[in-house]
Amino acid sequence: MNSERQLDNVGRSVSLLRDAFRAAIGRLMQDGGQLQNVSREQLLSATAAEKERLAWYFENDGVTEHDLALYDEVMLDYWSRLMDCLSANQVETSLESCLHMLLR
């Protein structure tokens, strides 16, 4: 299920959640480098840090309370889809290409 479709999609809410996910992935790569070894707790911790970092934008650019309630679910959905892409047996599968495909 694509939990992003449940968002209210007011203002820049979807793009802000995507930005938070992309930044969290970048942080995880800097911290350990192997995304396949990242636990659910580590992912949610990284995405929570991004949510806190972007709090002003979330409050002022259309992220609703409903969207915030779905935040972790959306992040886990993005994560699942990213892992599926990275584990695909395609020749040109890279983190950047998977993120681009996922978050376009």
C-alpha atoms as a PDB file:
ATOM      1  CA  MET A   1       0.000   0.000   0.000  1.00  0.00           C
ATOM      2  CA  ASN A   2       1.304   3.425  -0.873  1.00  0.00           C
ATOM      3  CA  SER A   3       0.765   5.378   2.335  1.00  0.00           C
ATOM      4  CA  GLU A   4       1.758   8.631   0.631  1.00  0.00           C
ATOM      5  CA  ARG A   5      -1.649   8.605  -1.084  1.00  0.00           C
ATOM      6  CA  GLN A   6      -3.285   8.974   2.329  1.00  0.00           C
ATOM      7  CA  LEU A   7      -1.624  12.345   2.925  1.00  0.00           C
ATOM      8  CA  ASP A   8      -3.732  15.481   2.718  1.00  0.00           C
ATOM      9  CA  ASN A   9      -1.339  16.857   0.051  1.00  0.00           C
ATOM     10  CA  VAL A  10      -1.787  20.465   1.088  1.00  0.00           C
ATOM     11  CA  GLY A  11       0.946  22.915   0.152  1.00  0.00           C
ATOM     12  CA  ARG A  12       4.327  21.211   0.027  1.00  0.00           C
ATOM     13  CA  SER A  13       3.550  18.364   2.419  1.00  0.00           C
ATOM     14  CA  VAL A  14       4.478  15.508   0.071  1.00  0.00           C
ATOM     15  CA  SER A  15       7.713  17.139  -1.066  1.00  0.00           C
ATOM     16  CA  LEU A  16       8.672  17.903   2.548  1.00  0.00           C
ATOM     17  CA  LEU A  17       8.187  14.286   3.586  1.00  0.00           C
ATOM     18  CA  ARG A  18      10.213  13.167   0.583  1.00  0.00           C
ATOM     19  CA  ASP A  19      12.958  15.658   1.473  1.00  0.00           C
ATOM     20  CA  ALA A  20      12.986  14.362   5.050  1.00  0.00           C
ATOM     21  CA  PHE A  21      13.345  10.778   3.823  1.00  0.00           C
ATOM     22  CA  ARG A  22      16.136  11.638   1.387  1.00  0.00           C
ATOM     23  CA  ALA A  23      18.026  13.540   4.099  1.00  0.00           C
ATOM     24  CA  ALA A  24      17.571  10.676   6.575  1.00  0.00           C
ATOM     25  CA  ILE A  25      18.984   8.230   4.033  1.00  0.00           C
ATOM     26  CA  GLY A  26      21.959  10.532   3.536  1.00  0.00           C
ATOM     27  CA  ARG A  27      22.499  10.649   7.301  1.00  0.00           C
ATOM     28  CA  LEU A  28      22.321   6.848   7.538  1.00  0.00           C
ATOM     29  CA  MET A  29      24.834   6.494   4.726  1.00  0.00           C
ATOM     30  CA  GLN A  30      27.241   8.834   6.528  1.00  0.00           C
ATOM     31  CA  ASP A  31      26.800   6.958   9.800  1.00  0.00           C
ATOM     32  CA  GLY A  32      27.249   3.423   8.551  1.00  0.00           C
ATOM     33  CA  GLY A  33      27.229   3.124   4.815  1.00  0.00           C
ATOM     34  CA  GLN A  34      25.281  -0.150   4.504  1.00  0.00           C
ATOM     35  CA  LEU A  35      21.560   0.522   4.189  1.00  0.00           C
ATOM     36  CA  GLN A  36      20.736  -3.186   4.134  1.00  0.00           C
ATOM     37  CA  ASN A  37      21.971  -3.410   7.742  1.00  0.00           C
ATOM     38  CA  VAL A  38      19.857  -0.506   9.014  1.00  0.00           C
ATOM     39  CA  SER A  39      17.184  -1.524  11.491  1.00  0.00           C
ATOM     40  CA  ARG A  40      13.656  -0.175  11.591  1.00  0.00           C
ATOM     41  CA  GLU A  41      14.534   1.692  14.795  1.00  0.00           C
ATOM     42  CA  GLN A  42      17.577   3.319  13.196  1.00  0.00           C
ATOM     43  CA  LEU A  43      15.500   4.411  10.215  1.00  0.00           C
ATOM     44  CA  LEU A  44      12.758   5.874  12.406  1.00  0.00           C
ATOM     45  CA  SER A  45      15.343   7.642  14.551  1.00  0.00           C
ATOM     46  CA  ALA A  46      16.931   9.227  11.476  1.00  0.00           C
ATOM     47  CA  THR A  47      13.577  10.255  10.018  1.00  0.00           C
ATOM     48  CA  ALA A  48      12.467  11.660  13.403  1.00  0.00           C
ATOM     49  CA  ALA A  49      15.611  13.807  13.476  1.00  0.00           C
ATOM     50  CA  GLU A  50      14.733  15.139  10.030  1.00  0.00           C
ATOM     51  CA  LYS A  51      11.160  15.792  11.131  1.00  0.00           C
ATOM     52  CA  GLU A  52      12.523  17.844  14.016  1.00  0.00           C
ATOM     53  CA  ARG A  53      15.006  19.651  11.780  1.00  0.00           C
ATOM     54  CA  LEU A  54      12.244  20.562   9.312  1.00  0.00           C
ATOM     55  CA  ALA A  55       9.632  21.379  11.987  1.00  0.00           C
ATOM     56  CA  TRP A  56       9.288  25.034  10.988  1.00  0.00           C
ATOM     57  CA  TYR A  57       8.601  24.071   7.370  1.00  0.00           C
ATOM     58  CA  PHE A  58       6.194  21.351   8.434  1.00  0.00           C
ATOM     59  CA  GLU A  59       4.252  23.886  10.488  1.00  0.00           C
ATOM     60  CA  ASN A  60       4.222  26.580   7.807  1.00  0.00           C
ATOM     61  CA  ASP A  61       4.118  24.777   4.451  1.00  0.00           C
ATOM     62  CA  GLY A  62       0.991  22.661   4.595  1.00  0.00           C
ATOM     63  CA  VAL A  63       1.837  19.564   6.603  1.00  0.00           C
ATOM     64  CA  THR A  64      -1.361  18.782   8.491  1.00  0.00           C
ATOM     65  CA  GLU A  65      -1.840  16.935  11.782  1.00  0.00           C
ATOM     66  CA  HIS A  66      -3.176  14.043   9.718  1.00  0.00           C
ATOM     67  CA  ASP A  67       0.046  14.010   7.684  1.00  0.00           C
ATOM     68  CA  LEU A  68       2.156  14.043  10.854  1.00  0.00           C
ATOM     69  CA  ALA A  69       0.173  11.111  12.223  1.00  0.00           C
ATOM     70  CA  LEU A  70       1.095   9.170   9.075  1.00  0.00           C
ATOM     71  CA  TYR A  71       4.758  10.273   9.066  1.00  0.00           C
ATOM     72  CA  ASP A  72       6.320   7.032  10.364  1.00  0.00           C
ATOM     73  CA  GLU A  73       4.080   4.901   8.148  1.00  0.00           C
ATOM     74  CA  VAL A  74       5.067   6.916   5.076  1.00  0.00           C
ATOM     75  CA  MET A  75       8.761   6.677   5.997  1.00  0.00           C
ATOM     76  CA  LEU A  76       8.510   2.900   6.433  1.00  0.00           C
ATOM     77  CA  ASP A  77       6.695   2.630   3.105  1.00  0.00           C
ATOM     78  CA  TYR A  78       9.435   4.632   1.363  1.00  0.00           C
ATOM     79  CA  TRP A  79      12.025   2.421   3.084  1.00  0.00           C
ATOM     80  CA  SER A  80      10.365  -0.791   1.938  1.00  0.00           C
ATOM     81  CA  ARG A  81      10.165   0.441  -1.622  1.00  0.00           C
ATOM     82  CA  LEU A  82      13.791   1.632  -1.534  1.00  0.00           C
ATOM     83  CA  MET A  83      14.990  -1.756  -0.265  1.00  0.00           C
ATOM     84  CA  ASP A  84      12.968  -3.501  -2.992  1.00  0.00           C
ATOM     85  CA  CYS A  85      14.606  -1.316  -5.619  1.00  0.00           C
ATOM     86  CA  LEU A  86      18.116  -1.829  -4.243  1.00  0.00           C
ATOM     87  CA  SER A  87      17.683  -5.592  -4.079  1.00  0.00           C
ATOM     88  CA  ALA A  88      16.431  -5.813  -7.671  1.00  0.00           C
ATOM     89  CA  ASN A  89      18.798  -7.591  -9.987  1.00  0.00           C
ATOM     90  CA  GLN A  90      19.116  -4.721 -12.406  1.00  0.00           C
ATOM     91  CA  VAL A  91      22.509  -3.771 -13.759  1.00  0.00           C
ATOM     92  CA  GLU A  92      22.231  -0.034 -13.128  1.00  0.00           C
ATOM     93  CA  THR A  93      20.587  -0.081  -9.724  1.00  0.00           C
ATOM     94  CA  SER A  94      22.159   2.494  -7.414  1.00  0.00           C
ATOM     95  CA  LEU A  95      20.988   4.314  -4.343  1.00  0.00           C
ATOM     96  CA  GLU A  96      20.624   7.550  -6.273  1.00  0.00           C
ATOM     97  CA  SER A  97      18.698   5.940  -9.138  1.00  0.00           C
ATOM     98  CA  CYS A  98      16.362   4.184  -6.685  1.00  0.00           C
ATOM     99  CA  LEU A  99      15.756   7.406  -4.740  1.00  0.00           C
ATOM    100  CA  HIS A 100      15.084   9.253  -7.966  1.00  0.00           C
ATOM    101  CA  MET A 101      12.611   6.647  -9.144  1.00  0.00           C
ATOM    102  CA  LEU A 102      10.934   6.433  -5.738  1.00  0.00           C
ATOM    103  CA  LEU A 103      10.675  10.161  -5.029  1.00  0.00           C
ATOM    104  CA  ARG A 104       9.933  11.664  -8.426  1.00  0.00           C
END
